[in-house]
Amino acid sequence: MVDVLTLEVGEVRLTRVPYFDVALDPSAVGLTARLVAEARWAVPTWATDGGQVLVGQAIWVIEAAGRVIVVDPCCAADPFLRSGPEALGHQDAVIDALARAGLGPHRVDVVVLSHLDGIGMTALIDEDGTWRPMFPNARVVLTSAELSWLDEAEEVSGLGALRALIAAGVVDGVPAPFELTPEVSVHLVGGHSAGHAVVRVDSEDQHAVLLGHLALSPIHLTAASADMPPQHFDDGAAARALDQLRAESARRGTSLIGPLWPYPGVVDLQAPDGLPFPAAT
C-alpha cells in the first residue's frame, strides 16, 4: 500500500492521497522504450528494471488560507476508472482513501483541472449513467481558454461528464493568472492543450508547481523534446513552458509535482547531476 505523503511549502500543506501506482508501457505516457532504457537513474522510483514506466493515480490536496483545493484528481484514466461496472467501486474506494486521510469530499472548496483529459474523480457517476459533482461543496475551475477550446471539441475524454457539471452550475472558467489564495494561483501555459494551466504554490521563500500534463513522467524532465513522440497540442509551447520550470527548480529549488507521477510524486532538480530526485519521502 502506497503511503499518504505530506509536503509543507511555507504555511501551505500539500497532501498526496494515493489510489494506486501501476507499471505501464512507455507509450502510455508519450515515451519510447529507448528513452526509458537510457534513464537508468529513474529505476526503481519512476521506472522498472523491465523498461516500464511507473504511473500514479492519486489526488493532490492543497490546504492554504483556510481553503481546501484539489488538483487533477485521478485524471487521464477514464477508460480504466470511469467506465463500466467497476466505475462505482473505483469512486467509492477513492472517497474512502480521502476520508482516511482526513480530507473527505465535503471539505473541498475548489477542484482545479489543469485541462480536460478525462473527468477522473472530479465527478461521480450513478448507476443510471448520470454524472454529478464528486466534491459537493466545491467549484470546478479551468482556464477560460480551456473552456473556449472545449466549446469546439467533439472527442475529448471526459467532455460529456464536464458538460453535465457545467449544466449543474458548478464550473467556472477563470482568466489566468488567477489567485485562489494569496499563496496558490493558476497560470496559463498552453502546450499540452490550448488552455492547459499549472498551479503554483508560493509561500514565504518556498515554491512548488503542479505541472498537469506538461511532464507525464519525471523522465520527461531530462529527455530532449525532439526525442519524444508527439503528445501535446503544441509541442513547442509545452517544451518552452517545461524548460522555464526546470530552470526555476534548478535555480531556487522549486518542487515540481506531477499528478500522474508515482509515489512520492514530487521532484527537485537541485541535485549536482541535475537529475530529478524525490523531493520528499
Protein backbone atom coordinates (compact mmCIF):
# COMPACT_ATOMS: atom_id res chain seq x y z
CA MET A 1 0.00 0.00 0.00
CA VAL A 2 1.42 3.40 -1.02
CA ASP A 3 1.57 5.88 1.85
CA VAL A 4 -0.10 9.27 2.04
CA LEU A 5 2.58 11.94 1.60
CA THR A 6 2.51 15.41 3.14
CA LEU A 7 4.67 18.27 1.87
CA GLU A 8 4.99 21.64 3.61
CA VAL A 9 5.58 24.69 1.40
CA GLY A 10 5.88 27.53 3.87
CA GLU A 11 2.47 27.81 5.52
CA VAL A 12 0.80 25.67 2.85
CA ARG A 13 0.25 21.93 3.21
CA LEU A 14 0.15 19.66 0.16
CA THR A 15 -1.03 16.08 0.56
CA ARG A 16 -0.79 13.28 -1.99
CA VAL A 17 -3.61 10.81 -1.32
CA PRO A 18 -2.80 7.69 -3.38
CA TYR A 19 -5.17 5.28 -5.03
CA PHE A 20 -2.59 3.08 -6.76
CA ASP A 21 0.66 3.10 -8.74
CA VAL A 22 1.00 0.88 -11.80
CA ALA A 23 3.70 -0.06 -14.33
CA LEU A 24 2.80 0.66 -17.96
CA ASP A 25 4.37 0.51 -21.40
CA PRO A 26 6.33 3.74 -22.10
CA SER A 27 3.99 4.64 -24.96
CA ALA A 28 1.19 5.19 -22.44
CA VAL A 29 2.92 8.36 -21.27
CA GLY A 30 4.43 9.50 -24.56
CA LEU A 31 7.86 7.94 -24.12
CA THR A 32 9.80 5.34 -26.10
CA ALA A 33 11.47 2.21 -24.83
CA ARG A 34 14.85 3.74 -25.73
CA LEU A 35 14.29 6.85 -23.63
CA VAL A 36 13.26 4.78 -20.64
CA ALA A 37 16.23 2.43 -21.06
CA GLU A 38 18.60 5.41 -21.13
CA ALA A 39 17.13 6.83 -17.91
CA ARG A 40 18.81 4.36 -15.57
CA TRP A 41 18.56 6.95 -12.78
CA ALA A 42 14.76 6.53 -12.92
CA VAL A 43 14.85 2.95 -11.57
CA PRO A 44 13.23 1.99 -9.20
CA THR A 45 11.26 5.14 -8.29
CA TRP A 46 9.97 6.21 -11.69
CA ALA A 47 10.51 3.12 -13.87
CA THR A 48 11.08 -0.63 -13.56
CA ASP A 49 14.11 -2.72 -14.43
CA GLY A 50 11.97 -4.22 -17.17
CA GLY A 51 11.63 -0.91 -19.01
CA GLN A 52 8.12 0.00 -17.93
CA VAL A 53 7.13 3.44 -16.64
CA LEU A 54 5.51 3.81 -13.23
CA VAL A 55 2.33 5.88 -13.24
CA GLY A 56 0.34 7.02 -10.24
CA GLN A 57 -3.35 7.55 -9.69
CA ALA A 58 -3.66 9.98 -6.80
CA ILE A 59 -5.39 13.08 -5.52
CA TRP A 60 -3.24 16.09 -4.66
CA VAL A 61 -4.84 18.29 -1.99
CA ILE A 62 -3.66 21.80 -1.10
CA GLU A 63 -4.61 23.40 2.21
CA ALA A 64 -3.96 27.14 2.20
CA ALA A 65 -5.52 30.18 3.89
CA GLY A 66 -8.41 28.11 5.20
CA ARG A 67 -9.29 26.67 1.78
CA VAL A 68 -9.02 23.07 0.60
CA ILE A 69 -8.08 22.72 -3.08
CA VAL A 70 -7.90 19.51 -5.12
CA VAL A 71 -5.85 19.39 -8.34
CA ASP A 72 -6.40 16.94 -11.25
CA PRO A 73 -7.93 14.11 -9.19
CA CYS A 74 -7.19 10.77 -10.89
CA CYS A 75 -7.46 12.29 -14.35
CA ALA A 76 -6.30 10.67 -17.62
CA ALA A 77 -7.67 7.30 -16.54
CA ASP A 78 -11.30 7.38 -17.63
CA PRO A 79 -11.10 4.22 -19.78
CA PHE A 80 -9.95 2.30 -16.69
CA LEU A 81 -11.61 4.05 -13.74
CA ARG A 82 -14.68 5.85 -15.01
CA SER A 83 -16.38 3.40 -17.36
CA GLY A 84 -18.11 0.05 -16.97
CA PRO A 85 -19.50 -1.51 -13.79
CA GLU A 86 -16.17 -1.03 -11.99
CA ALA A 87 -16.59 2.78 -12.04
CA LEU A 88 -18.79 2.76 -8.94
CA GLY A 89 -16.27 0.71 -6.99
CA HIS A 90 -13.37 2.92 -8.01
CA GLN A 91 -15.09 6.11 -6.89
CA ASP A 92 -16.12 4.56 -3.57
CA ALA A 93 -12.51 3.47 -2.97
CA VAL A 94 -11.17 6.96 -3.69
CA ILE A 95 -13.73 8.53 -1.35
CA ASP A 96 -12.61 6.09 1.36
CA ALA A 97 -8.94 6.98 0.76
CA LEU A 98 -9.70 10.69 1.12
CA ALA A 99 -11.72 10.09 4.28
CA ARG A 100 -8.89 8.06 5.85
CA ALA A 101 -6.56 11.00 5.15
CA GLY A 102 -8.97 13.37 6.89
CA LEU A 103 -9.80 15.07 3.59
CA GLY A 104 -13.31 13.90 2.82
CA PRO A 105 -15.01 15.29 -0.31
CA HIS A 106 -17.29 17.63 1.69
CA ARG A 107 -14.23 19.53 2.96
CA VAL A 108 -13.07 20.57 -0.52
CA ASP A 109 -13.71 24.14 -1.69
CA VAL A 110 -12.17 24.10 -5.18
CA VAL A 111 -11.24 21.47 -7.77
CA VAL A 112 -8.69 22.74 -10.31
CA LEU A 113 -8.37 20.93 -13.62
CA SER A 114 -5.14 21.83 -15.38
CA HIS A 115 -7.05 20.83 -18.54
CA LEU A 116 -9.62 18.24 -19.51
CA ASP A 117 -8.14 14.79 -20.04
CA GLY A 118 -10.87 12.61 -18.65
CA ILE A 119 -13.13 13.68 -15.81
CA GLY A 120 -11.27 11.46 -13.33
CA MET A 121 -12.70 11.79 -9.84
CA THR A 122 -13.99 15.31 -10.40
CA ALA A 123 -17.43 13.76 -10.88
CA LEU A 124 -19.38 10.78 -9.60
CA ILE A 125 -21.38 8.53 -11.89
CA ASP A 126 -24.64 6.96 -10.75
CA GLU A 127 -25.87 3.52 -11.75
CA ASP A 128 -28.05 5.09 -14.44
CA GLY A 129 -25.04 6.86 -16.01
CA THR A 130 -25.81 10.32 -14.59
CA TRP A 131 -22.83 12.48 -13.64
CA ARG A 132 -22.78 14.72 -10.56
CA PRO A 133 -20.06 16.50 -8.57
CA MET A 134 -17.67 14.32 -6.55
CA PHE A 135 -16.96 17.25 -4.22
CA PRO A 136 -20.42 18.64 -3.39
CA ASN A 137 -19.30 21.97 -1.92
CA ALA A 138 -16.60 22.77 -4.48
CA ARG A 139 -16.34 24.93 -7.56
CA VAL A 140 -14.64 23.25 -10.53
CA VAL A 141 -12.09 25.61 -12.12
CA LEU A 142 -10.48 25.53 -15.57
CA THR A 143 -8.97 28.39 -17.54
CA SER A 144 -11.36 30.31 -19.75
CA ALA A 145 -9.04 29.44 -22.64
CA GLU A 146 -9.54 25.72 -22.00
CA LEU A 147 -13.32 26.06 -21.81
CA SER A 148 -13.37 28.09 -25.03
CA TRP A 149 -11.30 25.40 -26.75
CA LEU A 150 -13.60 22.68 -25.45
CA ASP A 151 -16.64 24.51 -26.82
CA GLU A 152 -15.46 23.44 -30.27
CA ALA A 153 -14.28 19.99 -29.24
CA GLU A 154 -16.09 16.77 -30.04
CA GLU A 155 -13.94 13.85 -28.87
CA VAL A 156 -12.10 14.92 -25.73
CA SER A 157 -12.17 12.30 -22.97
CA GLY A 158 -14.48 13.35 -20.15
CA LEU A 159 -16.28 16.04 -22.15
CA GLY A 160 -19.74 14.61 -21.56
CA ALA A 161 -19.18 14.50 -17.80
CA LEU A 162 -17.76 18.04 -17.77
CA ARG A 163 -20.78 19.31 -19.69
CA ALA A 164 -23.01 17.71 -17.06
CA LEU A 165 -21.13 19.62 -14.37
CA ILE A 166 -21.42 22.84 -16.40
CA ALA A 167 -25.18 22.25 -16.65
CA ALA A 168 -25.24 21.78 -12.86
CA GLY A 169 -23.71 25.25 -12.49
CA VAL A 170 -20.54 24.23 -10.63
CA VAL A 171 -17.88 25.01 -13.28
CA ASP A 172 -16.00 28.33 -13.54
CA GLY A 173 -13.81 29.46 -16.40
CA VAL A 174 -11.18 31.79 -14.98
CA PRO A 175 -8.68 34.21 -16.51
CA ALA A 176 -5.05 33.40 -15.88
CA PRO A 177 -3.19 34.11 -13.78
CA PHE A 178 -5.95 33.56 -11.25
CA GLU A 179 -5.45 33.69 -7.48
CA LEU A 180 -7.18 31.02 -5.42
CA THR A 181 -5.49 32.13 -2.19
CA PRO A 182 -2.61 34.55 -1.62
CA GLU A 183 -0.26 31.55 -1.96
CA VAL A 184 -1.99 29.44 -4.64
CA SER A 185 -2.61 30.56 -8.21
CA VAL A 186 -3.50 29.18 -11.64
CA HIS A 187 -1.28 30.09 -14.62
CA LEU A 188 -2.00 29.51 -18.31
CA VAL A 189 0.87 27.82 -20.18
CA GLY A 190 -0.89 26.06 -23.06
CA GLY A 191 1.15 23.40 -24.78
CA HIS A 192 -0.49 20.15 -23.78
CA SER A 193 -3.89 21.63 -24.62
CA ALA A 194 -4.87 25.11 -25.75
CA GLY A 195 -5.86 26.15 -22.24
CA HIS A 196 -3.55 23.98 -20.15
CA ALA A 197 -2.58 25.51 -16.81
CA VAL A 198 -0.16 24.88 -13.98
CA VAL A 199 -0.89 25.53 -10.31
CA ARG A 200 1.73 27.48 -8.40
CA VAL A 201 2.25 27.44 -4.64
CA ASP A 202 4.43 30.30 -3.41
CA SER A 203 4.66 30.63 0.36
CA GLU A 204 7.39 32.57 2.14
CA ASP A 205 10.61 31.56 0.35
CA GLN A 206 9.39 28.13 -0.73
CA HIS A 207 7.76 27.18 -4.02
CA ALA A 208 6.04 24.27 -5.75
CA VAL A 209 4.38 23.85 -9.14
CA LEU A 210 1.83 21.22 -10.09
CA LEU A 211 2.65 20.58 -13.73
CA GLY A 212 -0.53 18.99 -15.01
CA HIS A 213 0.45 17.03 -18.11
CA LEU A 214 3.46 19.05 -19.22
CA ALA A 215 5.50 16.07 -17.98
CA LEU A 216 3.64 12.79 -17.68
CA SER A 217 6.72 11.19 -16.09
CA PRO A 218 9.82 12.66 -14.43
CA ILE A 219 11.73 11.14 -17.37
CA HIS A 220 10.26 13.95 -19.49
CA LEU A 221 12.27 16.40 -17.38
CA THR A 222 15.56 15.16 -18.84
CA ALA A 223 14.66 13.78 -22.26
CA ALA A 224 15.11 16.18 -25.17
CA SER A 225 11.73 17.23 -26.56
CA ALA A 226 12.94 16.40 -30.07
CA ASP A 227 13.37 12.76 -28.99
CA MET A 228 9.83 12.35 -27.68
CA PRO A 229 6.81 11.23 -29.68
CA PRO A 230 4.18 13.94 -30.24
CA GLN A 231 1.99 14.15 -27.17
CA HIS A 232 0.91 17.78 -26.92
CA PHE A 233 -1.48 20.08 -28.74
CA ASP A 234 1.54 22.37 -29.27
CA ASP A 235 4.82 20.54 -28.60
CA GLY A 236 6.88 23.72 -28.87
CA ALA A 237 4.83 25.65 -26.32
CA ALA A 238 4.88 22.68 -23.92
CA ALA A 239 8.66 22.36 -24.24
CA ARG A 240 9.20 26.08 -23.60
CA ALA A 241 6.97 26.05 -20.51
CA LEU A 242 8.71 22.96 -19.15
CA ASP A 243 12.15 24.43 -19.83
CA GLN A 244 11.28 27.51 -17.77
CA LEU A 245 10.01 25.43 -14.88
CA ARG A 246 13.05 23.14 -14.95
CA ALA A 247 15.32 26.18 -14.82
CA GLU A 248 13.37 27.60 -11.90
CA SER A 249 13.56 24.31 -10.00
CA ALA A 250 17.33 24.08 -10.53
CA ARG A 251 17.85 27.74 -9.60
CA ARG A 252 15.77 28.11 -6.47
CA GLY A 253 14.64 24.63 -5.50
CA THR A 254 11.06 24.84 -6.67
CA SER A 255 9.44 21.44 -6.15
CA LEU A 256 7.86 20.03 -9.30
CA ILE A 257 4.77 17.86 -8.88
CA GLY A 258 3.25 15.59 -11.49
CA PRO A 259 -0.32 14.44 -10.86
CA LEU A 260 0.44 11.23 -12.80
CA TRP A 261 3.79 10.52 -11.18
CA PRO A 262 4.08 7.55 -8.79
CA TYR A 263 4.97 7.93 -5.13
CA PRO A 264 6.28 10.35 -3.97
CA GLY A 265 5.08 12.35 -6.98
CA VAL A 266 7.39 15.33 -6.41
CA VAL A 267 10.94 16.09 -7.51
CA ASP A 268 13.69 18.65 -7.03
CA LEU A 269 16.27 19.46 -9.71
CA GLN A 270 18.96 20.87 -7.44
CA ALA A 271 20.98 17.64 -7.34
CA PRO A 272 24.58 18.09 -8.58
CA ASP A 273 23.90 15.95 -11.65
CA GLY A 274 20.67 17.82 -12.44
CA LEU A 275 18.59 14.64 -12.44
CA PRO A 276 15.11 14.58 -10.88
CA PHE A 277 15.30 13.13 -7.40
CA PRO A 278 12.41 12.69 -4.98
CA ALA A 279 11.92 15.89 -3.00
CA ALA A 280 10.03 14.04 -0.28
CA THR A 281 9.84 10.51 1.09
